[in-house]
Amino acid sequence: TVTVLEAQIDDMPAQGLAFTAERLLASGALDVYLVPILMKKGRPGSLLSVLCSPADADALERLIFAETTTFG
């Protein structure tokens, strides 16, 4: 069983997203990837996807909230 955590982010520099991806992997994520997306009002954004074991999901979710600008 694998848990998928996702967040849409449109107001964070790419360097910050790359740093967050590294932190997530170091904290137990099985995989982390970013996909470019188009947000409301035509703004460019990123979809952050994190694959993890269910046991690590809560800790990684807290890390996403702490390290990114997402509201949920």
PDB file of N, CA and C in Angstrom:
ATOM      1  N   THR A   1       0.841  -1.182   0.000  1.00  0.00           N
ATOM      2  CA  THR A   1       0.000   0.000   0.000  1.00  0.00           C
ATOM      3  C   THR A   1       0.881   1.239   0.000  1.00  0.00           C
ATOM      4  N   VAL A   2       0.521   2.203  -0.834  1.00  0.00           N
ATOM      5  CA  VAL A   2       1.252   3.465  -0.951  1.00  0.00           C
ATOM      6  C   VAL A   2       0.260   4.609  -0.811  1.00  0.00           C
ATOM      7  N   THR A   3       0.669   5.646  -0.114  1.00  0.00           N
ATOM      8  CA  THR A   3      -0.140   6.855   0.030  1.00  0.00           C
ATOM      9  C   THR A   3       0.393   7.917  -0.911  1.00  0.00           C
ATOM     10  N   VAL A   4      -0.507   8.680  -1.541  1.00  0.00           N
ATOM     11  CA  VAL A   4      -0.126   9.788  -2.411  1.00  0.00           C
ATOM     12  C   VAL A   4      -0.578  11.086  -1.752  1.00  0.00           C
ATOM     13  N   LEU A   5       0.373  11.976  -1.514  1.00  0.00           N
ATOM     14  CA  LEU A   5       0.078  13.317  -1.009  1.00  0.00           C
ATOM     15  C   LEU A   5       0.300  14.285  -2.158  1.00  0.00           C
ATOM     16  N   GLU A   6      -0.635  15.223  -2.363  1.00  0.00           N
ATOM     17  CA  GLU A   6      -0.484  16.187  -3.451  1.00  0.00           C
ATOM     18  C   GLU A   6      -0.853  17.585  -2.988  1.00  0.00           C
ATOM     19  N   ALA A   7      -0.174  18.563  -3.577  1.00  0.00           N
ATOM     20  CA  ALA A   7      -0.468  19.973  -3.316  1.00  0.00           C
ATOM     21  C   ALA A   7      -0.226  20.758  -4.599  1.00  0.00           C
ATOM     22  N   GLN A   8      -1.130  21.686  -4.877  1.00  0.00           N
ATOM     23  CA  GLN A   8      -0.961  22.595  -6.016  1.00  0.00           C
ATOM     24  C   GLN A   8      -0.357  23.888  -5.483  1.00  0.00           C
ATOM     25  N   ILE A   9       0.756  24.299  -6.081  1.00  0.00           N
ATOM     26  CA  ILE A   9       1.494  25.453  -5.573  1.00  0.00           C
ATOM     27  C   ILE A   9       1.750  26.415  -6.721  1.00  0.00           C
ATOM     28  N   ASP A  10       1.360  27.692  -6.536  1.00  0.00           N
ATOM     29  CA  ASP A  10       1.556  28.657  -7.618  1.00  0.00           C
ATOM     30  C   ASP A  10       2.337  29.901  -7.203  1.00  0.00           C
ATOM     31  N   ASP A  11       2.834  29.935  -5.990  1.00  0.00           N
ATOM     32  CA  ASP A  11       3.518  31.153  -5.543  1.00  0.00           C
ATOM     33  C   ASP A  11       4.809  30.855  -4.791  1.00  0.00           C
ATOM     34  N   MET A  12       5.573  29.896  -5.324  1.00  0.00           N
ATOM     35  CA  MET A  12       6.811  29.498  -4.671  1.00  0.00           C
ATOM     36  C   MET A  12       7.900  29.332  -5.724  1.00  0.00           C
ATOM     37  N   PRO A  13       9.085  29.874  -5.464  1.00  0.00           N
ATOM     38  CA  PRO A  13      10.187  29.743  -6.432  1.00  0.00           C
ATOM     39  C   PRO A  13      10.603  28.283  -6.631  1.00  0.00           C
ATOM     40  N   ALA A  14      11.115  27.988  -7.801  1.00  0.00           N
ATOM     41  CA  ALA A  14      11.541  26.625  -8.127  1.00  0.00           C
ATOM     42  C   ALA A  14      12.614  26.116  -7.177  1.00  0.00           C
ATOM     43  N   GLN A  15      13.502  26.992  -6.713  1.00  0.00           N
ATOM     44  CA  GLN A  15      14.554  26.566  -5.792  1.00  0.00           C
ATOM     45  C   GLN A  15      13.952  26.063  -4.479  1.00  0.00           C
ATOM     46  N   GLY A  16      12.895  26.704  -4.017  1.00  0.00           N
ATOM     47  CA  GLY A  16      12.229  26.285  -2.796  1.00  0.00           C
ATOM     48  C   GLY A  16      11.546  24.939  -2.965  1.00  0.00           C
ATOM     49  N   LEU A  17      10.952  24.724  -4.126  1.00  0.00           N
ATOM     50  CA  LEU A  17      10.315  23.434  -4.399  1.00  0.00           C
ATOM     51  C   LEU A  17      11.357  22.322  -4.476  1.00  0.00           C
ATOM     52  N   ALA A  18      12.492  22.596  -5.102  1.00  0.00           N
ATOM     53  CA  ALA A  18      13.561  21.597  -5.190  1.00  0.00           C
ATOM     54  C   ALA A  18      14.096  21.261  -3.800  1.00  0.00           C
ATOM     55  N   PHE A  19      14.272  22.266  -2.958  1.00  0.00           N
ATOM     56  CA  PHE A  19      14.727  22.039  -1.587  1.00  0.00           C
ATOM     57  C   PHE A  19      13.723  21.185  -0.823  1.00  0.00           C
ATOM     58  N   THR A  20      12.439  21.490  -0.978  1.00  0.00           N
ATOM     59  CA  THR A  20      11.392  20.721  -0.310  1.00  0.00           C
ATOM     60  C   THR A  20      11.396  19.274  -0.783  1.00  0.00           C
ATOM     61  N   ALA A  21      11.570  19.058  -2.077  1.00  0.00           N
ATOM     62  CA  ALA A  21      11.619  17.696  -2.612  1.00  0.00           C
ATOM     63  C   ALA A  21      12.772  16.913  -1.982  1.00  0.00           C
ATOM     64  N   GLU A  22      13.923  17.543  -1.844  1.00  0.00           N
ATOM     65  CA  GLU A  22      15.069  16.886  -1.211  1.00  0.00           C
ATOM     66  C   GLU A  22      14.772  16.542   0.241  1.00  0.00           C
ATOM     67  N   ARG A  23      14.146  17.474   0.965  1.00  0.00           N
ATOM     68  CA  ARG A  23      13.806  17.229   2.372  1.00  0.00           C
ATOM     69  C   ARG A  23      12.808  16.088   2.501  1.00  0.00           C
ATOM     70  N   LEU A  24      11.814  16.035   1.610  1.00  0.00           N
ATOM     71  CA  LEU A  24      10.821  14.969   1.645  1.00  0.00           C
ATOM     72  C   LEU A  24      11.467  13.607   1.418  1.00  0.00           C
ATOM     73  N   LEU A  25      12.355  13.525   0.442  1.00  0.00           N
ATOM     74  CA  LEU A  25      13.040  12.263   0.172  1.00  0.00           C
ATOM     75  C   LEU A  25      13.916  11.849   1.360  1.00  0.00           C
ATOM     76  N   ALA A  26      14.600  12.807   1.957  1.00  0.00           N
ATOM     77  CA  ALA A  26      15.445  12.517   3.114  1.00  0.00           C
ATOM     78  C   ALA A  26      14.621  12.101   4.331  1.00  0.00           C
ATOM     79  N   SER A  27      13.340  12.484   4.340  1.00  0.00           N
ATOM     80  CA  SER A  27      12.465  12.184   5.474  1.00  0.00           C
ATOM     81  C   SER A  27      11.635  10.915   5.267  1.00  0.00           C
ATOM     82  N   GLY A  28      11.902  10.176   4.191  1.00  0.00           N
ATOM     83  CA  GLY A  28      11.249   8.894   4.018  1.00  0.00           C
ATOM     84  C   GLY A  28      10.311   8.747   2.840  1.00  0.00           C
ATOM     85  N   ALA A  29      10.113   9.804   2.050  1.00  0.00           N
ATOM     86  CA  ALA A  29       9.260   9.675   0.870  1.00  0.00           C
ATOM     87  C   ALA A  29       9.869   8.653  -0.095  1.00  0.00           C
ATOM     88  N   LEU A  30       9.020   7.853  -0.705  1.00  0.00           N
ATOM     89  CA  LEU A  30       9.486   6.884  -1.693  1.00  0.00           C
ATOM     90  C   LEU A  30       9.827   7.560  -3.010  1.00  0.00           C
ATOM     91  N   ASP A  31       9.064   8.591  -3.367  1.00  0.00           N
ATOM     92  CA  ASP A  31       9.305   9.358  -4.591  1.00  0.00           C
ATOM     93  C   ASP A  31       8.639  10.713  -4.448  1.00  0.00           C
ATOM     94  N   VAL A  32       9.221  11.700  -5.079  1.00  0.00           N
ATOM     95  CA  VAL A  32       8.676  13.061  -5.101  1.00  0.00           C
ATOM     96  C   VAL A  32       8.807  13.565  -6.527  1.00  0.00           C
ATOM     97  N   TYR A  33       7.736  14.141  -7.054  1.00  0.00           N
ATOM     98  CA  TYR A  33       7.855  14.731  -8.381  1.00  0.00           C
ATOM     99  C   TYR A  33       7.003  15.985  -8.487  1.00  0.00           C
ATOM    100  N   LEU A  34       7.412  16.848  -9.396  1.00  0.00           N
ATOM    101  CA  LEU A  34       6.742  18.125  -9.655  1.00  0.00           C
ATOM    102  C   LEU A  34       6.313  18.157 -11.110  1.00  0.00           C
ATOM    103  N   VAL A  35       5.063  18.549 -11.337  1.00  0.00           N
ATOM    104  CA  VAL A  35       4.514  18.629 -12.685  1.00  0.00           C
ATOM    105  C   VAL A  35       4.050  20.069 -12.909  1.00  0.00           C
ATOM    106  N   PRO A  36       4.466  20.703 -14.010  1.00  0.00           N
ATOM    107  CA  PRO A  36       3.970  22.046 -14.285  1.00  0.00           C
ATOM    108  C   PRO A  36       2.475  22.002 -14.611  1.00  0.00           C
ATOM    109  N   ILE A  37       1.728  22.924 -14.023  1.00  0.00           N
ATOM    110  CA  ILE A  37       0.277  23.003 -14.254  1.00  0.00           C
ATOM    111  C   ILE A  37      -0.118  24.454 -14.471  1.00  0.00           C
ATOM    112  N   LEU A  38      -1.323  24.648 -14.975  1.00  0.00           N
ATOM    113  CA  LEU A  38      -1.878  25.979 -15.162  1.00  0.00           C
ATOM    114  C   LEU A  38      -2.924  26.194 -14.078  1.00  0.00           C
ATOM    115  N   MET A  39      -2.727  27.219 -13.264  1.00  0.00           N
ATOM    116  CA  MET A  39      -3.613  27.502 -12.144  1.00  0.00           C
ATOM    117  C   MET A  39      -4.682  28.501 -12.582  1.00  0.00           C
ATOM    118  N   LYS A  40      -5.546  28.875 -11.632  1.00  0.00           N
ATOM    119  CA  LYS A  40      -6.604  29.834 -11.954  1.00  0.00           C
ATOM    120  C   LYS A  40      -6.002  31.147 -12.430  1.00  0.00           C
ATOM    121  N   LYS A  41      -6.740  31.854 -13.221  1.00  0.00           N
ATOM    122  CA  LYS A  41      -6.332  33.114 -13.821  1.00  0.00           C
ATOM    123  C   LYS A  41      -5.086  32.969 -14.696  1.00  0.00           C
ATOM    124  N   GLY A  42      -4.828  31.754 -15.172  1.00  0.00           N
ATOM    125  CA  GLY A  42      -3.726  31.517 -16.099  1.00  0.00           C
ATOM    126  C   GLY A  42      -2.341  31.532 -15.481  1.00  0.00           C
ATOM    127  N   ARG A  43      -2.265  31.473 -14.166  1.00  0.00           N
ATOM    128  CA  ARG A  43      -0.950  31.500 -13.519  1.00  0.00           C
ATOM    129  C   ARG A  43      -0.266  30.143 -13.649  1.00  0.00           C
ATOM    130  N   PRO A  44       1.050  30.146 -13.891  1.00  0.00           N
ATOM    131  CA  PRO A  44       1.780  28.873 -13.886  1.00  0.00           C
ATOM    132  C   PRO A  44       1.949  28.388 -12.448  1.00  0.00           C
ATOM    133  N   GLY A  45       1.934  27.095 -12.286  1.00  0.00           N
ATOM    134  CA  GLY A  45       2.103  26.520 -10.956  1.00  0.00           C
ATOM    135  C   GLY A  45       2.737  25.149 -11.062  1.00  0.00           C
ATOM    136  N   SER A  46       2.804  24.473  -9.936  1.00  0.00           N
ATOM    137  CA  SER A  46       3.376  23.127  -9.881  1.00  0.00           C
ATOM    138  C   SER A  46       2.467  22.232  -9.053  1.00  0.00           C
ATOM    139  N   LEU A  47       2.366  20.996  -9.482  1.00  0.00           N
ATOM    140  CA  LEU A  47       1.690  19.978  -8.700  1.00  0.00           C
ATOM    141  C   LEU A  47       2.776  19.159  -8.022  1.00  0.00           C
ATOM    142  N   LEU A  48       2.830  19.240  -6.703  1.00  0.00           N
ATOM    143  CA  LEU A  48       3.782  18.468  -5.911  1.00  0.00           C
ATOM    144  C   LEU A  48       3.113  17.153  -5.537  1.00  0.00           C
ATOM    145  N   SER A  49       3.714  16.039  -5.922  1.00  0.00           N
ATOM    146  CA  SER A  49       3.197  14.716  -5.596  1.00  0.00           C
ATOM    147  C   SER A  49       4.250  13.960  -4.811  1.00  0.00           C
ATOM    148  N   VAL A  50       3.805  13.342  -3.725  1.00  0.00           N
ATOM    149  CA  VAL A  50       4.703  12.603  -2.842  1.00  0.00           C
ATOM    150  C   VAL A  50       4.130  11.207  -2.662  1.00  0.00           C
ATOM    151  N   LEU A  51       4.929  10.205  -2.979  1.00  0.00           N
ATOM    152  CA  LEU A  51       4.555   8.819  -2.731  1.00  0.00           C
ATOM    153  C   LEU A  51       5.250   8.381  -1.451  1.00  0.00           C
ATOM    154  N   CYS A  52       4.475   7.768  -0.544  1.00  0.00           N
ATOM    155  CA  CYS A  52       5.053   7.366   0.735  1.00  0.00           C
ATOM    156  C   CYS A  52       4.288   6.201   1.323  1.00  0.00           C
ATOM    157  N   SER A  53       4.861   5.601   2.337  1.00  0.00           N
ATOM    158  CA  SER A  53       4.140   4.557   3.061  1.00  0.00           C
ATOM    159  C   SER A  53       3.109   5.236   3.959  1.00  0.00           C
ATOM    160  N   PRO A  54       2.003   4.564   4.236  1.00  0.00           N
ATOM    161  CA  PRO A  54       0.980   5.160   5.108  1.00  0.00           C
ATOM    162  C   PRO A  54       1.536   5.583   6.471  1.00  0.00           C
ATOM    163  N   ALA A  55       2.522   4.864   6.971  1.00  0.00           N
ATOM    164  CA  ALA A  55       3.105   5.191   8.271  1.00  0.00           C
ATOM    165  C   ALA A  55       3.843   6.529   8.262  1.00  0.00           C
ATOM    166  N   ASP A  56       4.349   6.944   7.102  1.00  0.00           N
ATOM    167  CA  ASP A  56       5.099   8.200   6.993  1.00  0.00           C
ATOM    168  C   ASP A  56       4.238   9.374   6.557  1.00  0.00           C
ATOM    169  N   ALA A  57       2.990   9.136   6.199  1.00  0.00           N
ATOM    170  CA  ALA A  57       2.145  10.171   5.582  1.00  0.00           C
ATOM    171  C   ALA A  57       1.962  11.396   6.476  1.00  0.00           C
ATOM    172  N   ASP A  58       1.674  11.213   7.743  1.00  0.00           N
ATOM    173  CA  ASP A  58       1.428  12.359   8.625  1.00  0.00           C
ATOM    174  C   ASP A  58       2.654  13.254   8.753  1.00  0.00           C
ATOM    175  N   ALA A  59       3.817  12.655   8.950  1.00  0.00           N
ATOM    176  CA  ALA A  59       5.043  13.436   9.095  1.00  0.00           C
ATOM    177  C   ALA A  59       5.378  14.177   7.802  1.00  0.00           C
ATOM    178  N   LEU A  60       5.193  13.524   6.668  1.00  0.00           N
ATOM    179  CA  LEU A  60       5.491  14.176   5.389  1.00  0.00           C
ATOM    180  C   LEU A  60       4.480  15.264   5.074  1.00  0.00           C
ATOM    181  N   GLU A  61       3.234  15.051   5.463  1.00  0.00           N
ATOM    182  CA  GLU A  61       2.212  16.095   5.286  1.00  0.00           C
ATOM    183  C   GLU A  61       2.589  17.342   6.086  1.00  0.00           C
ATOM    184  N   ARG A  62       3.019  17.154   7.314  1.00  0.00           N
ATOM    185  CA  ARG A  62       3.447  18.298   8.132  1.00  0.00           C
ATOM    186  C   ARG A  62       4.632  19.018   7.480  1.00  0.00           C
ATOM    187  N   LEU A  63       5.539  18.254   6.905  1.00  0.00           N
ATOM    188  CA  LEU A  63       6.692  18.851   6.231  1.00  0.00           C
ATOM    189  C   LEU A  63       6.254  19.672   5.024  1.00  0.00           C
ATOM    190  N   ILE A  64       5.293  19.168   4.264  1.00  0.00           N
ATOM    191  CA  ILE A  64       4.790  19.919   3.106  1.00  0.00           C
ATOM    192  C   ILE A  64       4.196  21.254   3.557  1.00  0.00           C
ATOM    193  N   PHE A  65       3.392  21.227   4.618  1.00  0.00           N
ATOM    194  CA  PHE A  65       2.802  22.474   5.119  1.00  0.00           C
ATOM    195  C   PHE A  65       3.867  23.427   5.660  1.00  0.00           C
ATOM    196  N   ALA A  66       4.897  22.892   6.275  1.00  0.00           N
ATOM    197  CA  ALA A  66       5.940  23.743   6.871  1.00  0.00           C
ATOM    198  C   ALA A  66       6.864  24.346   5.806  1.00  0.00           C
ATOM    199  N   GLU A  67       7.136  23.615   4.730  1.00  0.00           N
ATOM    200  CA  GLU A  67       8.153  24.027   3.766  1.00  0.00           C
ATOM    201  C   GLU A  67       7.601  24.680   2.491  1.00  0.00           C
ATOM    202  N   THR A  68       6.280  24.604   2.277  1.00  0.00           N
ATOM    203  CA  THR A  68       5.723  25.190   1.056  1.00  0.00           C
ATOM    204  C   THR A  68       4.668  26.245   1.409  1.00  0.00           C
ATOM    205  N   THR A  69       4.155  26.872   0.396  1.00  0.00           N
ATOM    206  CA  THR A  69       3.149  27.917   0.579  1.00  0.00           C
ATOM    207  C   THR A  69       1.723  27.393   0.422  1.00  0.00           C
ATOM    208  N   THR A  70       1.548  26.083   0.354  1.00  0.00           N
ATOM    209  CA  THR A  70       0.218  25.514   0.172  1.00  0.00           C
ATOM    210  C   THR A  70      -0.670  25.722   1.389  1.00  0.00           C
ATOM    211  N   PHE A  71      -1.979  25.841   1.140  1.00  0.00           N
ATOM    212  CA  PHE A  71      -2.966  25.910   2.209  1.00  0.00           C
ATOM    213  C   PHE A  71      -3.630  24.560   2.430  1.00  0.00           C
ATOM    214  N   GLY A  72      -3.361  23.603   1.534  1.00  0.00           N
ATOM    215  CA  GLY A  72      -3.961  22.287   1.710  1.00  0.00           C
ATOM    216  C   GLY A  72      -4.338  21.621   0.428  1.00  0.00           C
TER     217      GLY A  72
END
